[in-house]
Each structure stands twice: as C-alpha cells, then as structure tokens.
Amino acid sequence: SSELLINIFIPNTPLHDGAVILQNNQVAAAACYLPLSESPFISKELGTRHRAAIGMSEVTDSLTIVVSEETGGISVTKNGELYRDLDQESFRAMLTSELVVENIKTTSSGIWNWRGKKNG
C-alpha cells in the first residue's frame, strides 16, 4: 500500500534499506537486496543504492528508480545507464516514454490506405 511505502523514506524502519520490486502495478517484494554493478566505470561518489540500481538494469530489462538518501534526488537507470538528479518534468517524461503504451486506433480504411488501396 502507499502508506506502507512511505516507510522507505523514514530511517531505521524495516523498508528503509533494500529495494521495492513492482510487477504488474503491484508491490511484488520489499526490502530486497540487489546485485551491485561490477562496472569499473561507475563514479566513486555513488553508493550502494545507485550501484544496485545500475546492476539490475545491466542484467534485466527493468527500469529502476533511485532516491538518494543524502540529497533526495531522483535518478533512473535503464540498460546500465544512470540518469541522475532528474527534475519532476524530466522524471515524468522518462517514465511516460518508457512505461505508458499509447492506444493506437486503426480502422479498416486506415489499414487499406496504408497498403495503397482505397476504401470501398
């Protein structure tokens, strides 16, 4: 529940450390420990939370969201790439482009016109 997830941001609570895994728009697991990236190119200033997010995105098709414990900044990882300290607009745009599927309306006339035929 959203009330339970608020505990992520409160130090010294069971959900504060570890990842929350969402699957099919539901919480599948919480307080999970993830494999860290082994990339030697990751900045030394990044901690375990960011390294785990990068690691997951290197070995899965997941999109990971990281909230920095120190700054509260939001970052996203995808395919081993880290997009750091996104503002609200950039964060929303990235999530929308990666996760929202637009409904594409097709009609028989549209399909036939695409193939170069006329409707009727």
N, C-alpha and C. Protein backbone atom coordinates (compact mmCIF):
# COMPACT_ATOMS: atom_id res chain seq x y z
N SER A 1 0.84 -1.19 0.00
CA SER A 1 0.00 0.00 0.00
C SER A 1 0.88 1.25 0.00
N SER A 2 0.32 2.34 -0.39
CA SER A 2 1.09 3.59 -0.42
C SER A 2 1.52 3.99 0.98
N GLU A 3 0.69 3.71 1.98
CA GLU A 3 1.05 4.05 3.36
C GLU A 3 2.28 3.27 3.80
N LEU A 4 2.35 2.02 3.41
CA LEU A 4 3.49 1.18 3.77
C LEU A 4 4.76 1.67 3.07
N LEU A 5 4.63 2.06 1.81
CA LEU A 5 5.79 2.51 1.06
C LEU A 5 6.38 3.81 1.59
N ILE A 6 5.60 4.60 2.30
CA ILE A 6 6.12 5.83 2.91
C ILE A 6 7.27 5.49 3.85
N ASN A 7 7.25 4.29 4.44
CA ASN A 7 8.30 3.88 5.37
C ASN A 7 9.68 3.80 4.71
N ILE A 8 9.72 3.71 3.40
CA ILE A 8 11.00 3.69 2.70
C ILE A 8 11.81 4.94 3.05
N PHE A 9 11.13 6.04 3.22
CA PHE A 9 11.80 7.32 3.41
C PHE A 9 12.04 7.68 4.87
N ILE A 10 11.70 6.78 5.77
CA ILE A 10 11.90 7.02 7.20
C ILE A 10 13.05 6.14 7.68
N PRO A 11 14.17 6.75 8.10
CA PRO A 11 15.33 5.96 8.56
C PRO A 11 14.96 5.03 9.72
N ASN A 12 15.69 3.93 9.80
CA ASN A 12 15.54 2.94 10.86
C ASN A 12 14.19 2.24 10.86
N THR A 13 13.57 2.13 9.69
CA THR A 13 12.36 1.33 9.56
C THR A 13 12.70 0.14 8.67
N PRO A 14 11.94 -0.95 8.77
CA PRO A 14 12.28 -2.17 8.02
C PRO A 14 12.40 -1.99 6.51
N LEU A 15 11.65 -1.08 5.92
CA LEU A 15 11.69 -0.91 4.47
C LEU A 15 12.69 0.14 4.01
N HIS A 16 13.35 0.81 4.93
CA HIS A 16 14.25 1.90 4.55
C HIS A 16 15.39 1.43 3.66
N ASP A 17 15.97 0.30 3.98
CA ASP A 17 17.05 -0.24 3.16
C ASP A 17 16.52 -1.38 2.31
N GLY A 18 17.06 -1.49 1.13
CA GLY A 18 16.62 -2.53 0.21
C GLY A 18 15.66 -1.97 -0.82
N ALA A 19 15.42 -2.76 -1.84
CA ALA A 19 14.61 -2.33 -2.98
C ALA A 19 13.16 -2.78 -2.82
N VAL A 20 12.29 -2.05 -3.50
CA VAL A 20 10.90 -2.45 -3.66
C VAL A 20 10.74 -2.86 -5.11
N ILE A 21 10.18 -4.02 -5.34
CA ILE A 21 10.00 -4.52 -6.70
C ILE A 21 8.53 -4.46 -7.06
N LEU A 22 8.23 -3.73 -8.13
CA LEU A 22 6.86 -3.62 -8.63
C LEU A 22 6.71 -4.50 -9.84
N GLN A 23 5.60 -5.23 -9.89
CA GLN A 23 5.34 -6.09 -11.03
C GLN A 23 3.84 -6.04 -11.30
N ASN A 24 3.46 -5.77 -12.52
CA ASN A 24 2.05 -5.65 -12.89
C ASN A 24 1.31 -4.65 -12.01
N ASN A 25 1.93 -3.51 -11.78
CA ASN A 25 1.35 -2.42 -10.99
C ASN A 25 1.07 -2.77 -9.54
N GLN A 26 1.77 -3.77 -9.01
CA GLN A 26 1.62 -4.14 -7.61
C GLN A 26 2.99 -4.34 -6.98
N VAL A 27 3.06 -4.18 -5.66
CA VAL A 27 4.30 -4.46 -4.95
C VAL A 27 4.46 -5.97 -4.90
N ALA A 28 5.53 -6.47 -5.52
CA ALA A 28 5.80 -7.90 -5.52
C ALA A 28 6.69 -8.29 -4.34
N ALA A 29 7.60 -7.40 -3.94
CA ALA A 29 8.52 -7.68 -2.83
C ALA A 29 9.08 -6.37 -2.32
N ALA A 30 9.53 -6.39 -1.07
CA ALA A 30 10.13 -5.19 -0.47
C ALA A 30 11.32 -5.59 0.38
N ALA A 31 12.17 -4.62 0.68
CA ALA A 31 13.39 -4.83 1.46
C ALA A 31 14.31 -5.86 0.80
N CYS A 32 14.38 -5.82 -0.53
CA CYS A 32 15.19 -6.76 -1.30
C CYS A 32 16.60 -6.23 -1.50
N TYR A 33 17.56 -7.12 -1.46
CA TYR A 33 18.94 -6.76 -1.76
C TYR A 33 19.24 -7.18 -3.19
N LEU A 34 19.80 -6.27 -3.94
CA LEU A 34 20.05 -6.48 -5.36
C LEU A 34 21.54 -6.60 -5.63
N PRO A 35 21.89 -7.29 -6.73
CA PRO A 35 23.31 -7.40 -7.07
C PRO A 35 23.88 -6.05 -7.49
N LEU A 36 25.08 -5.76 -7.05
CA LEU A 36 25.73 -4.50 -7.41
C LEU A 36 26.37 -4.61 -8.78
N SER A 37 26.44 -3.51 -9.48
CA SER A 37 27.15 -3.47 -10.75
C SER A 37 28.63 -3.73 -10.50
N GLU A 38 29.25 -4.44 -11.41
CA GLU A 38 30.69 -4.68 -11.31
C GLU A 38 31.47 -3.78 -12.27
N SER A 39 30.79 -2.82 -12.86
CA SER A 39 31.44 -1.92 -13.81
C SER A 39 32.49 -1.06 -13.12
N PRO A 40 33.69 -1.01 -13.68
CA PRO A 40 34.75 -0.17 -13.11
C PRO A 40 34.57 1.31 -13.46
N PHE A 41 33.58 1.63 -14.28
CA PHE A 41 33.40 2.99 -14.76
C PHE A 41 32.41 3.81 -13.94
N ILE A 42 31.84 3.22 -12.91
CA ILE A 42 30.87 3.94 -12.08
C ILE A 42 31.62 4.89 -11.15
N SER A 43 31.11 6.10 -11.05
CA SER A 43 31.72 7.12 -10.21
C SER A 43 31.85 6.65 -8.76
N LYS A 44 32.97 6.96 -8.15
CA LYS A 44 33.22 6.59 -6.76
C LYS A 44 32.28 7.31 -5.80
N GLU A 45 31.67 8.39 -6.24
CA GLU A 45 30.76 9.13 -5.36
C GLU A 45 29.40 8.46 -5.22
N LEU A 46 29.12 7.46 -6.05
CA LEU A 46 27.84 6.75 -5.96
C LEU A 46 27.92 5.64 -4.92
N GLY A 47 26.84 5.50 -4.15
CA GLY A 47 26.81 4.50 -3.09
C GLY A 47 26.15 3.20 -3.53
N THR A 48 25.88 2.37 -2.55
CA THR A 48 25.32 1.04 -2.78
C THR A 48 23.97 1.11 -3.48
N ARG A 49 23.14 2.03 -3.09
CA ARG A 49 21.79 2.15 -3.67
C ARG A 49 21.87 2.36 -5.18
N HIS A 50 22.72 3.29 -5.61
CA HIS A 50 22.86 3.57 -7.04
C HIS A 50 23.55 2.42 -7.77
N ARG A 51 24.55 1.81 -7.14
CA ARG A 51 25.25 0.68 -7.77
C ARG A 51 24.32 -0.51 -7.96
N ALA A 52 23.44 -0.75 -7.00
CA ALA A 52 22.47 -1.84 -7.13
C ALA A 52 21.48 -1.55 -8.26
N ALA A 53 21.03 -0.32 -8.36
CA ALA A 53 20.09 0.05 -9.42
C ALA A 53 20.74 -0.13 -10.79
N ILE A 54 21.97 0.32 -10.92
CA ILE A 54 22.68 0.15 -12.19
C ILE A 54 22.87 -1.33 -12.48
N GLY A 55 23.25 -2.10 -11.46
CA GLY A 55 23.45 -3.54 -11.63
C GLY A 55 22.20 -4.24 -12.13
N MET A 56 21.05 -3.91 -11.56
CA MET A 56 19.79 -4.53 -12.00
C MET A 56 19.49 -4.18 -13.45
N SER A 57 19.73 -2.94 -13.82
CA SER A 57 19.41 -2.53 -15.19
C SER A 57 20.40 -3.10 -16.20
N GLU A 58 21.57 -3.55 -15.73
CA GLU A 58 22.54 -4.18 -16.62
C GLU A 58 22.13 -5.61 -16.97
N VAL A 59 21.48 -6.30 -16.05
CA VAL A 59 21.21 -7.73 -16.24
C VAL A 59 19.73 -8.04 -16.47
N THR A 60 18.86 -7.03 -16.43
CA THR A 60 17.44 -7.24 -16.70
C THR A 60 16.94 -6.14 -17.63
N ASP A 61 15.70 -6.28 -18.04
CA ASP A 61 15.10 -5.22 -18.87
C ASP A 61 14.34 -4.22 -18.01
N SER A 62 14.67 -4.18 -16.73
CA SER A 62 13.95 -3.31 -15.80
C SER A 62 14.38 -1.85 -15.91
N LEU A 63 13.49 -1.01 -15.49
CA LEU A 63 13.75 0.41 -15.30
C LEU A 63 13.81 0.58 -13.79
N THR A 64 14.86 1.16 -13.27
CA THR A 64 14.96 1.31 -11.82
C THR A 64 14.92 2.79 -11.45
N ILE A 65 14.31 3.05 -10.32
CA ILE A 65 14.20 4.41 -9.79
C ILE A 65 14.96 4.45 -8.48
N VAL A 66 15.83 5.44 -8.34
CA VAL A 66 16.66 5.56 -7.14
C VAL A 66 16.40 6.92 -6.50
N VAL A 67 16.16 6.90 -5.20
CA VAL A 67 16.05 8.15 -4.44
C VAL A 67 17.27 8.22 -3.54
N SER A 68 18.09 9.23 -3.74
CA SER A 68 19.31 9.39 -2.96
C SER A 68 18.97 9.65 -1.50
N GLU A 69 19.60 8.87 -0.62
CA GLU A 69 19.37 9.07 0.81
C GLU A 69 19.94 10.40 1.26
N GLU A 70 21.06 10.80 0.68
CA GLU A 70 21.73 12.04 1.09
C GLU A 70 21.04 13.30 0.58
N THR A 71 20.65 13.30 -0.70
CA THR A 71 20.14 14.53 -1.31
C THR A 71 18.65 14.50 -1.60
N GLY A 72 18.05 13.31 -1.64
CA GLY A 72 16.64 13.20 -2.03
C GLY A 72 16.45 13.28 -3.53
N GLY A 73 17.56 13.40 -4.28
CA GLY A 73 17.49 13.47 -5.74
C GLY A 73 17.00 12.16 -6.33
N ILE A 74 16.26 12.27 -7.43
CA ILE A 74 15.72 11.09 -8.09
C ILE A 74 16.53 10.80 -9.34
N SER A 75 16.92 9.53 -9.48
CA SER A 75 17.65 9.07 -10.66
C SER A 75 16.94 7.85 -11.21
N VAL A 76 17.17 7.57 -12.48
CA VAL A 76 16.60 6.40 -13.15
C VAL A 76 17.73 5.67 -13.86
N THR A 77 17.67 4.33 -13.85
CA THR A 77 18.63 3.57 -14.63
C THR A 77 17.88 2.72 -15.65
N LYS A 78 18.52 2.57 -16.79
CA LYS A 78 18.00 1.73 -17.87
C LYS A 78 19.19 1.23 -18.68
N ASN A 79 19.24 -0.07 -18.90
CA ASN A 79 20.31 -0.68 -19.69
C ASN A 79 21.70 -0.27 -19.20
N GLY A 80 21.86 -0.19 -17.89
CA GLY A 80 23.16 0.13 -17.32
C GLY A 80 23.52 1.61 -17.32
N GLU A 81 22.64 2.46 -17.82
CA GLU A 81 22.88 3.90 -17.86
C GLU A 81 22.15 4.57 -16.70
N LEU A 82 22.81 5.52 -16.05
CA LEU A 82 22.24 6.26 -14.94
C LEU A 82 21.89 7.68 -15.37
N TYR A 83 20.64 8.06 -15.16
CA TYR A 83 20.17 9.41 -15.45
C TYR A 83 19.93 10.07 -14.09
N ARG A 84 20.85 10.94 -13.68
CA ARG A 84 20.88 11.45 -12.30
C ARG A 84 20.11 12.73 -12.09
N ASP A 85 19.63 12.83 -10.87
CA ASP A 85 19.02 14.06 -10.35
C ASP A 85 18.02 14.69 -11.32
N LEU A 86 17.04 13.89 -11.70
CA LEU A 86 16.02 14.37 -12.63
C LEU A 86 15.06 15.31 -11.93
N ASP A 87 14.66 16.37 -12.62
CA ASP A 87 13.61 17.22 -12.07
C ASP A 87 12.27 16.52 -12.33
N GLN A 88 11.21 17.05 -11.75
CA GLN A 88 9.91 16.40 -11.84
C GLN A 88 9.46 16.20 -13.28
N GLU A 89 9.65 17.21 -14.11
CA GLU A 89 9.23 17.12 -15.50
C GLU A 89 10.01 16.06 -16.27
N SER A 90 11.32 16.01 -16.08
CA SER A 90 12.16 15.02 -16.76
C SER A 90 11.84 13.61 -16.28
N PHE A 91 11.62 13.48 -14.97
CA PHE A 91 11.27 12.18 -14.40
C PHE A 91 9.95 11.68 -14.98
N ARG A 92 8.95 12.53 -14.98
CA ARG A 92 7.64 12.16 -15.53
C ARG A 92 7.75 11.79 -17.01
N ALA A 93 8.50 12.58 -17.77
CA ALA A 93 8.65 12.32 -19.21
C ALA A 93 9.34 10.98 -19.45
N MET A 94 10.36 10.68 -18.64
CA MET A 94 11.07 9.41 -18.82
C MET A 94 10.16 8.23 -18.49
N LEU A 95 9.44 8.31 -17.38
CA LEU A 95 8.54 7.22 -17.02
C LEU A 95 7.45 7.04 -18.07
N THR A 96 6.91 8.14 -18.55
CA THR A 96 5.86 8.06 -19.56
C THR A 96 6.38 7.43 -20.83
N SER A 97 7.55 7.85 -21.28
CA SER A 97 8.09 7.31 -22.54
C SER A 97 8.44 5.83 -22.42
N GLU A 98 8.83 5.39 -21.24
CA GLU A 98 9.25 4.00 -21.05
C GLU A 98 8.11 3.06 -20.65
N LEU A 99 7.09 3.58 -19.97
CA LEU A 99 6.11 2.69 -19.36
C LEU A 99 4.68 2.83 -19.88
N VAL A 100 4.35 3.94 -20.50
CA VAL A 100 2.97 4.16 -20.93
C VAL A 100 2.83 3.76 -22.39
N VAL A 101 1.87 2.89 -22.65
CA VAL A 101 1.60 2.46 -24.02
C VAL A 101 0.41 3.25 -24.52
N GLU A 102 0.62 3.96 -25.60
CA GLU A 102 -0.46 4.76 -26.18
C GLU A 102 -1.39 3.83 -26.96
N ASN A 103 -2.68 4.09 -26.87
CA ASN A 103 -3.64 3.35 -27.68
C ASN A 103 -3.59 3.88 -29.10
N ILE A 104 -3.37 2.99 -30.03
CA ILE A 104 -3.33 3.39 -31.44
C ILE A 104 -4.62 2.88 -32.08
N LYS A 105 -5.43 3.82 -32.55
CA LYS A 105 -6.68 3.44 -33.18
C LYS A 105 -6.42 3.18 -34.65
N THR A 106 -6.88 2.03 -35.10
CA THR A 106 -6.78 1.73 -36.52
C THR A 106 -8.17 1.39 -37.02
N THR A 107 -8.44 1.77 -38.20
CA THR A 107 -9.70 1.42 -38.84
C THR A 107 -9.36 0.65 -40.10
N SER A 108 -10.33 -0.03 -40.60
CA SER A 108 -10.05 -0.79 -41.82
C SER A 108 -9.64 0.15 -42.95
N SER A 109 -10.23 1.35 -42.99
CA SER A 109 -9.84 2.29 -44.04
C SER A 109 -8.40 2.73 -43.87
N GLY A 110 -7.97 2.91 -42.61
CA GLY A 110 -6.59 3.30 -42.36
C GLY A 110 -5.62 2.22 -42.78
N ILE A 111 -5.97 0.98 -42.51
CA ILE A 111 -5.09 -0.13 -42.91
C ILE A 111 -5.04 -0.23 -44.42
N TRP A 112 -6.20 -0.14 -45.07
CA TRP A 112 -6.22 -0.26 -46.53
C TRP A 112 -5.49 0.90 -47.18
N ASN A 113 -5.65 2.09 -46.64
CA ASN A 113 -4.95 3.24 -47.20
C ASN A 113 -3.45 3.10 -47.03
N TRP A 114 -3.03 2.51 -45.93
CA TRP A 114 -1.61 2.30 -45.71
C TRP A 114 -1.02 1.39 -46.77
N ARG A 115 -1.81 0.41 -47.19
CA ARG A 115 -1.34 -0.52 -48.20
C ARG A 115 -1.50 0.03 -49.62
N GLY A 116 -2.01 1.23 -49.71
CA GLY A 116 -2.14 1.85 -51.03
C GLY A 116 -3.46 1.55 -51.72
N LYS A 117 -4.40 0.94 -51.00
CA LYS A 117 -5.70 0.63 -51.60
C LYS A 117 -6.72 1.64 -51.10
N LYS A 118 -7.74 1.81 -51.86
CA LYS A 118 -8.81 2.72 -51.47
C LYS A 118 -9.90 1.95 -50.73
N ASN A 119 -10.52 2.63 -49.79
CA ASN A 119 -11.60 2.02 -49.03
C ASN A 119 -12.85 1.95 -49.89
N GLY A 120 -13.51 0.80 -49.91
CA GLY A 120 -14.79 0.69 -50.58
C GLY A 120 -14.71 0.05 -51.85
